[in-house]
Amino acid sequence: MKKATIRFTFLFAIATIFACSTGNKEEKAQTEEENTEFKDVEETTSKIMLTPVESPQFDDSMLEMLSPMENEVIAEAGAIDFSYNVKNYELGTQTIDADIKNCANSGKGQHIHLILNNQPYTAHYEAEFTKDLEEGHYVALSFLSRSYHESVKSYGAANIRQFTVGREPNEDEVADLSAPHMFYSRPKGTYVGKDAEKVLLDFYLLNTDLALDGNTVRATINGQEFMLDKWQPYFIEGAEMGEMTVKLELLDKEGNLVDSPFNPVERTVMLKEGDAS
């Protein structure tokens, strides 16, 4: 009787060890599988990179807006005349490093970006042009742009003003142009082939700068966040083909949105495979 009890106890112990060993292997395999899945998700969500862009400077360039005039009330909607005085900057020529930038570039050369009410900009290669505008109040930001659509950020290279078309302005729509503002510039539109591999991220600041202990910009690209404490352009690299959503938020040092009618701003662009035209 005693021998049978010992044999039974021995067999039970062996079975228990085997079961524990099998269970540990299954748990380990499951853990490894979960870690692999987590790693795959992590790699997918962290593949986008922002790389600072260095470009030729135009410190003495100047952009003076001649029309419309500040606070002008234009009687009728329709074709509105825009005119500028450009100094120390040549419109219509290629920026000196355009052929080695390896990003989307305008074959028409350097130009003026005109942004109305923080809507997508229009590019203009001459200092005088007309635009069809509907009735309404407009805040117009104009700045010089390199041929690859990077803004010139030197003092005097930009101009901001507001005017109204087709009616008198309402008091609540007039913006405080002395307050801090951020305007979205790039990316814009559709990028194909190599142009989609390095996409320019660029925005324009007024009455503020960025710093670790001051205002910052939070850029959220396809759900991935980047905190920017230096005002400069960046290349977006590593994004998958398809829609790319870019959201920009100007934040104060406490992390709150800076009060501005143009903050935050979000745009969607398209990245496609193929040959860039």
Protein backbone atom coordinates (compact mmCIF):
# COMPACT_ATOMS: atom_id res chain seq x y z
CA MET A 1 0.00 0.00 0.00
CA LYS A 2 2.81 2.37 0.87
CA LYS A 3 4.64 1.61 -2.44
CA ALA A 4 1.49 2.36 -4.43
CA THR A 5 1.11 5.68 -2.66
CA ILE A 6 4.73 6.63 -3.41
CA ARG A 7 4.35 5.64 -7.09
CA PHE A 8 1.16 7.68 -7.41
CA THR A 9 2.78 10.72 -5.81
CA PHE A 10 5.78 10.44 -8.16
CA LEU A 11 3.57 10.20 -11.26
CA PHE A 12 1.46 13.15 -10.09
CA ALA A 13 4.58 15.26 -9.61
CA ILE A 14 5.85 14.41 -13.09
CA ALA A 15 2.50 15.31 -14.62
CA THR A 16 2.41 18.59 -12.70
CA ILE A 17 5.93 19.56 -13.84
CA PHE A 18 5.04 18.72 -17.47
CA ALA A 19 1.84 20.74 -17.28
CA CYS A 20 3.64 23.73 -15.75
CA SER A 21 6.39 23.50 -18.37
CA THR A 22 3.86 23.38 -21.19
CA GLY A 23 1.92 26.26 -19.68
CA ASN A 24 5.06 28.37 -19.31
CA LYS A 25 5.99 27.75 -22.93
CA GLU A 26 2.49 28.73 -24.09
CA GLU A 27 2.55 31.86 -21.89
CA LYS A 28 6.02 32.75 -23.18
CA ALA A 29 4.95 32.23 -26.78
CA GLN A 30 1.85 34.35 -26.21
CA THR A 31 3.92 37.08 -24.55
CA GLU A 32 6.43 37.06 -27.42
CA GLU A 33 3.58 37.26 -29.91
CA GLU A 34 2.04 40.20 -28.03
CA ASN A 35 5.43 41.94 -27.87
CA THR A 36 5.87 41.41 -31.60
CA GLU A 37 2.44 42.85 -32.29
CA PHE A 38 3.21 45.85 -30.04
CA LYS A 39 6.53 46.34 -31.76
CA ASP A 40 4.85 46.28 -35.17
CA VAL A 41 2.32 48.90 -34.03
CA GLU A 42 5.09 51.01 -32.49
CA GLU A 43 7.16 50.88 -35.68
CA THR A 44 4.11 51.77 -37.76
CA THR A 45 3.17 54.78 -35.64
CA SER A 46 6.70 56.13 -35.15
CA LYS A 47 8.09 55.87 -38.66
CA ILE A 48 7.42 59.52 -39.63
CA MET A 49 10.41 61.80 -39.05
CA LEU A 50 10.85 65.58 -39.11
CA THR A 51 14.21 66.83 -40.35
CA PRO A 52 15.19 70.52 -40.07
CA VAL A 53 15.81 72.20 -43.44
CA GLU A 54 18.72 74.53 -44.13
CA SER A 55 18.33 76.95 -47.05
CA PRO A 56 19.93 80.08 -48.52
CA GLN A 57 19.01 83.19 -46.56
CA PHE A 58 17.65 86.45 -47.98
CA ASP A 59 18.20 88.73 -45.01
CA ASP A 60 17.90 91.96 -47.00
CA SER A 61 14.84 91.01 -49.04
CA MET A 62 11.75 93.21 -48.69
CA LEU A 63 8.07 92.82 -49.58
CA GLU A 64 5.87 95.90 -49.48
CA MET A 65 2.14 95.53 -50.21
CA LEU A 66 0.77 98.48 -52.19
CA SER A 67 -2.82 97.32 -52.70
CA PRO A 68 -5.31 96.62 -51.29
CA MET A 69 -4.59 99.22 -48.65
CA GLU A 70 -4.85 98.61 -44.90
CA ASN A 71 -8.51 98.64 -43.75
CA GLU A 72 -9.66 99.49 -47.27
CA VAL A 73 -13.33 98.92 -48.06
CA ILE A 74 -13.63 97.79 -51.67
CA ALA A 75 -17.08 98.57 -53.00
CA GLU A 76 -17.71 95.55 -55.20
CA ALA A 77 -16.79 91.88 -55.09
CA GLY A 78 -15.06 90.35 -58.09
CA ALA A 79 -11.62 90.98 -59.57
CA ILE A 80 -9.49 92.67 -56.90
CA ASP A 81 -6.12 94.19 -57.75
CA PHE A 82 -3.06 93.16 -55.73
CA SER A 83 0.29 94.88 -56.13
CA TYR A 84 3.63 94.76 -54.32
CA ASN A 85 7.02 96.37 -54.24
CA VAL A 86 9.73 93.67 -54.10
CA LYS A 87 13.31 94.56 -53.16
CA ASN A 88 16.48 92.44 -53.16
CA TYR A 89 14.57 89.36 -54.29
CA GLU A 90 14.01 88.11 -57.83
CA LEU A 91 10.64 86.64 -58.65
CA GLY A 92 10.48 83.96 -61.36
CA THR A 93 14.00 82.54 -60.90
CA GLN A 94 15.07 79.26 -59.34
CA THR A 95 16.44 79.38 -55.80
CA ILE A 96 20.15 78.59 -55.95
CA ASP A 97 19.87 75.17 -54.25
CA ALA A 98 16.62 74.06 -55.91
CA ASP A 99 18.32 71.34 -58.00
CA ILE A 100 19.77 69.61 -54.91
CA LYS A 101 16.83 70.06 -52.52
CA ASN A 102 15.11 66.88 -53.75
CA CYS A 103 11.64 68.09 -52.90
CA ALA A 104 8.65 69.55 -54.76
CA ASN A 105 9.79 72.65 -56.65
CA SER A 106 8.04 75.17 -58.86
CA GLY A 107 9.42 75.36 -62.38
CA LYS A 108 8.21 78.97 -62.48
CA GLY A 109 10.71 79.93 -59.79
CA GLN A 110 10.55 82.17 -56.73
CA HIS A 111 7.23 83.79 -55.94
CA ILE A 112 4.87 85.39 -53.43
CA HIS A 113 2.58 83.33 -51.21
CA LEU A 114 -0.74 85.05 -50.57
CA ILE A 115 -2.82 83.60 -47.72
CA LEU A 116 -6.33 84.96 -47.16
CA ASN A 117 -7.98 84.14 -43.81
CA ASN A 118 -5.51 81.26 -43.36
CA GLN A 119 -6.97 79.38 -46.32
CA PRO A 120 -4.58 77.53 -48.71
CA TYR A 121 -2.19 80.00 -50.29
CA THR A 122 -2.02 81.04 -53.92
CA ALA A 123 1.41 81.45 -55.56
CA HIS A 124 2.15 84.54 -57.65
CA TYR A 125 5.23 85.00 -59.81
CA GLU A 126 4.73 88.67 -60.60
CA ALA A 127 4.31 91.67 -58.33
CA GLU A 128 0.92 92.61 -59.78
CA PHE A 129 -2.11 90.35 -60.27
CA THR A 130 -5.87 90.15 -59.74
CA LYS A 131 -7.93 87.71 -57.68
CA ASP A 132 -11.66 87.09 -57.72
CA LEU A 133 -12.94 87.63 -54.18
CA GLU A 134 -16.42 87.23 -52.75
CA GLU A 135 -18.01 89.70 -50.39
CA GLY A 136 -16.45 89.53 -46.95
CA HIS A 137 -13.69 90.56 -44.60
CA TYR A 138 -10.13 89.43 -45.35
CA VAL A 139 -6.90 89.12 -43.41
CA ALA A 140 -4.15 88.95 -46.04
CA LEU A 141 -0.70 87.56 -45.23
CA SER A 142 1.85 87.85 -48.03
CA PHE A 143 5.45 86.64 -47.90
CA LEU A 144 8.31 85.87 -50.25
CA SER A 145 8.79 82.22 -51.11
CA ARG A 146 11.71 80.24 -52.46
CA SER A 147 11.05 78.25 -55.64
CA TYR A 148 10.44 75.10 -53.53
CA HIS A 149 7.73 76.95 -51.56
CA GLU A 150 9.74 77.61 -48.42
CA SER A 151 8.91 80.98 -46.87
CA VAL A 152 11.52 83.69 -46.39
CA LYS A 153 11.37 84.48 -42.68
CA SER A 154 13.67 87.50 -42.48
CA TYR A 155 12.40 90.83 -41.18
CA GLY A 156 10.62 92.75 -43.92
CA ALA A 157 9.93 89.72 -46.17
CA ALA A 158 6.27 89.55 -45.17
CA ASN A 159 3.27 91.84 -44.92
CA ILE A 160 -0.08 91.44 -43.17
CA ARG A 161 -3.16 93.62 -43.45
CA GLN A 162 -6.92 93.40 -43.57
CA PHE A 163 -9.56 94.80 -45.88
CA THR A 164 -13.23 94.27 -46.67
CA VAL A 165 -14.94 93.58 -49.99
CA GLY A 166 -18.51 94.46 -50.95
CA ARG A 167 -19.65 95.83 -47.57
CA GLU A 168 -18.54 97.53 -44.37
CA PRO A 169 -16.61 95.32 -41.90
CA ASN A 170 -18.30 93.95 -38.79
CA GLU A 171 -16.60 94.83 -35.54
CA ASP A 172 -16.36 91.20 -34.38
CA GLU A 173 -14.53 90.05 -37.52
CA VAL A 174 -11.69 92.57 -37.38
CA ALA A 175 -8.55 90.77 -36.17
CA ASP A 176 -5.94 92.14 -33.77
CA LEU A 177 -2.90 92.03 -36.05
CA SER A 178 -0.57 92.97 -33.19
CA ALA A 179 -1.33 89.68 -31.39
CA PRO A 180 0.57 86.39 -31.96
CA HIS A 181 -0.61 84.44 -35.00
CA MET A 182 0.41 81.34 -36.93
CA PHE A 183 -0.43 80.76 -40.60
CA TYR A 184 -0.25 77.41 -42.37
CA SER A 185 1.73 77.26 -45.63
CA ARG A 186 2.97 73.76 -46.56
CA PRO A 187 2.33 70.92 -47.28
CA LYS A 188 -0.37 71.51 -49.85
CA GLY A 189 -2.00 69.49 -52.63
CA THR A 190 -0.70 66.22 -54.09
CA TYR A 191 2.87 64.87 -54.02
CA VAL A 192 3.94 62.17 -56.49
CA GLY A 193 6.99 59.88 -56.59
CA LYS A 194 10.17 61.36 -55.15
CA ASP A 195 8.33 64.54 -54.20
CA ALA A 196 6.34 62.41 -51.73
CA GLU A 197 9.49 61.16 -49.99
CA LYS A 198 10.47 64.60 -48.62
CA VAL A 199 7.49 66.85 -47.99
CA LEU A 200 8.08 70.39 -46.78
CA LEU A 201 6.39 71.45 -43.53
CA ASP A 202 6.35 75.23 -43.27
CA PHE A 203 4.30 77.82 -41.40
CA TYR A 204 4.52 81.55 -40.75
CA LEU A 205 4.59 83.25 -37.35
CA LEU A 206 3.72 86.85 -36.56
CA ASN A 207 4.42 88.73 -33.31
CA THR A 208 5.91 85.68 -31.63
CA ASP A 209 8.76 83.21 -31.77
CA LEU A 210 9.23 79.67 -30.46
CA ALA A 211 11.28 78.56 -27.44
CA LEU A 212 11.52 75.72 -24.93
CA ASP A 213 10.20 78.01 -22.18
CA GLY A 214 7.81 79.97 -24.39
CA ASN A 215 5.40 79.41 -27.24
CA THR A 216 5.70 76.16 -29.17
CA VAL A 217 4.00 74.52 -32.14
CA ARG A 218 2.51 71.06 -31.88
CA ALA A 219 2.50 69.36 -35.26
CA THR A 220 0.35 66.23 -35.47
CA ILE A 221 0.99 64.24 -38.65
CA ASN A 222 -1.18 61.19 -39.23
CA GLY A 223 -1.73 61.04 -35.47
CA GLN A 224 1.95 61.33 -34.53
CA GLU A 225 2.88 64.39 -32.45
CA PHE A 226 5.99 66.56 -32.75
CA MET A 227 6.73 69.50 -30.44
CA LEU A 228 8.56 72.30 -32.26
CA ASP A 229 10.44 74.96 -30.30
CA LYS A 230 12.26 76.55 -33.23
CA TRP A 231 10.69 78.45 -36.11
CA GLN A 232 12.14 76.83 -39.20
CA PRO A 233 11.02 74.55 -42.03
CA TYR A 234 11.14 70.77 -41.77
CA PHE A 235 11.03 67.82 -44.14
CA ILE A 236 8.38 65.19 -43.39
CA GLU A 237 9.94 61.82 -44.22
CA GLY A 238 8.75 58.23 -43.88
CA ALA A 239 5.02 58.83 -44.37
CA GLU A 240 3.05 56.10 -46.12
CA MET A 241 1.43 56.71 -49.50
CA GLY A 242 -2.15 57.94 -49.34
CA GLU A 243 -3.79 60.72 -47.36
CA MET A 244 -1.62 62.60 -44.90
CA THR A 245 -3.28 64.83 -42.31
CA VAL A 246 -1.30 67.70 -40.79
CA LYS A 247 -2.57 69.65 -37.79
CA LEU A 248 -0.70 72.65 -36.39
CA GLU A 249 -1.38 74.23 -33.00
CA LEU A 250 0.35 77.31 -31.60
CA LEU A 251 0.65 76.77 -27.83
CA ASP A 252 1.68 79.04 -24.97
CA LYS A 253 4.23 78.00 -22.33
CA GLU A 254 1.47 76.31 -20.29
CA GLY A 255 0.47 74.20 -23.28
CA ASN A 256 -2.76 76.07 -24.02
CA LEU A 257 -3.87 77.20 -27.46
CA VAL A 258 -2.83 80.77 -28.23
CA ASP A 259 -5.97 82.83 -28.85
CA SER A 260 -6.15 83.49 -32.58
CA PRO A 261 -8.89 83.10 -35.22
CA PHE A 262 -6.39 81.05 -37.25
CA ASN A 263 -5.38 78.59 -34.51
CA PRO A 264 -5.44 75.60 -34.77
CA VAL A 265 -5.39 74.61 -38.45
CA GLU A 266 -5.64 71.18 -40.09
CA ARG A 267 -5.11 70.15 -43.71
CA THR A 268 -5.07 66.91 -45.69
CA VAL A 269 -2.70 66.26 -48.60
CA MET A 270 -2.17 63.26 -50.85
CA LEU A 271 1.00 61.22 -51.34
CA LYS A 272 1.14 59.03 -54.46
CA GLU A 273 3.59 56.64 -56.04
CA GLY A 274 4.74 57.29 -59.60
CA ASP A 275 6.81 59.83 -61.50
CA ALA A 276 6.61 63.47 -60.47
CA SER A 277 5.65 65.73 -63.36
